[in-house]
């Protein structure tokens, strides 16, 4: 029985990752192979499904995570995320920080994919958590819940929009009926789930390398308007594309441009480029802070700089900002520090030393830190203006490079989740569910929800579940008399339930919140299922008024 095979595959995956401590990437590939063979797929077809699943899952997601990670790191290192977080806390107070995250996620999630909104908001979550010493899930879980709701319940997101087209439902009425269902359901789950005993007992740490570890002085932060404008660039571009697709004729020459610049990766790339130009020089200034003991930065100018510093009587431990970080045997000019976290150090590793410490750059005659742009005591000429202009962006370029390093394992795991999903799709799971539910005689709204929920449980992909369920129940729309708009919402609500290990979004959530597989099941699987059930209840209640 196909559903039994899916259940056994999930159990095997849990054993591999929790009991045997196998990394999720090879574990998912092994389980995908086993599931395909157990379903009777030939070896070659199973392999092709795995390859297609990985490629189909990480195609544009690779750019979304890459550009998003770089943008998030710039927002963090430049102080932009700190400015936004500080402003939010001041406006809503720390006691209502969850409300602030929910409202922000609602506003962004109307037009943005879950993954894009998540990547955009997670640096702000990290900053609020670190500055106020709050539990990570206390701040981040409400944000994720609100984004999940907006992504899965309502058009113009692809799944609900596709179902609306299949059922010939009004997009405007679907949105009008869906908002009173989605917003209360999301608010109820967002504010209650972080308070559940099982969730409160989880204490995940912010994953290493995804956030700046030091606060900047208030005077050094960029303005709130600048920070907000950069964050809103992808929101405005994607919203403009969504509005254009709804309001413009396909022959309108402006529409292709709106659609192009409204694509998630392109919108994030534009925001990234603006952030590099506007916020990049601030990261260069922030990096005048000292580096950990035993770390120097080596590039093609190192020898020349060390020689000139030695002549000027300056400590050889301070070198240019740009280059590759390598450990040295000792650093005699740096004061004693506590040991740094495990893992390779980065050029922007924080330090407890004040900025004017001898280890933080080339010492100037006045005793303040310098980055090598000033003339040495021996009368050497300052570097050219062109060199200084280039150095303004050394810090931000290094930040972009460092930002994508933690993305590698996340992309591998998400891709493997896509492979597992594709094997289930290609093995005929959707057809099995369609045949299984063909003879059920229940309310069309409940049937639509059930089919979508079962497909979501079996396949993992909400988009595949919602589109397949729409095809199964489409004949009922004309014969049952149910509102096409409510049928759209019922299918969409079913497709959000039961997110688990065959859902690539599950692994995105797990990795960015630093959870184990079991913890992610307790947090994400339960909240998505609760959202789906509440959504069905809202649809049934709404049906008493609109038919």
Foldseek 3Di string as FASTA:
>chain_A
DLVVLLVVLVVQLCCCCPVVVDALLVSLLVSLQVSLVVLPHDNVVSVVLLVCLLCVQCVVVVLLQLLLLLLLLLCFLLCLLVQVLVVLCVVQPPVCLLVSLLVVLLLLLLQDQLSNSLSLCLSNLQNNCQVVVDFSCLNNVLNSLSNLLNQQQAPPHPLLVLLCVLLVADNVVLRVLRVVLRVVLSVVLSNCQCVDPLNVPDRFDFDPLRHADDHDDPVSHDDNVVSVVLSCQLSVLRVQLRVCVVPDDPPPPCNVVSVVCNPSSNSSVVSSVVSLVPSQLSSLVSQLAFDDWQKDFDDPCLVVVLVVCVVLVAQSLAAALAHDIDGHPGRVQADDFDDDDDDDDASSRHGPDPSLRSRRHTAAPVSRHDRQQDAGPVGDDGDDPVVVVVSSRRRSVSSSVSSCVVVVSLSSSLSSLSSSLSSLVVSCVLVVLLVVLVPDDDPLLVSLLVQLLVCCQRRVDLSVSSNSSSVSSSVCSVVVVFRSSLSSSSNSLSSQAQRASSHSVLSVVCVSRVHRRVSSCVSRNVSSNSSSVSSSVSSVVVRVPVD
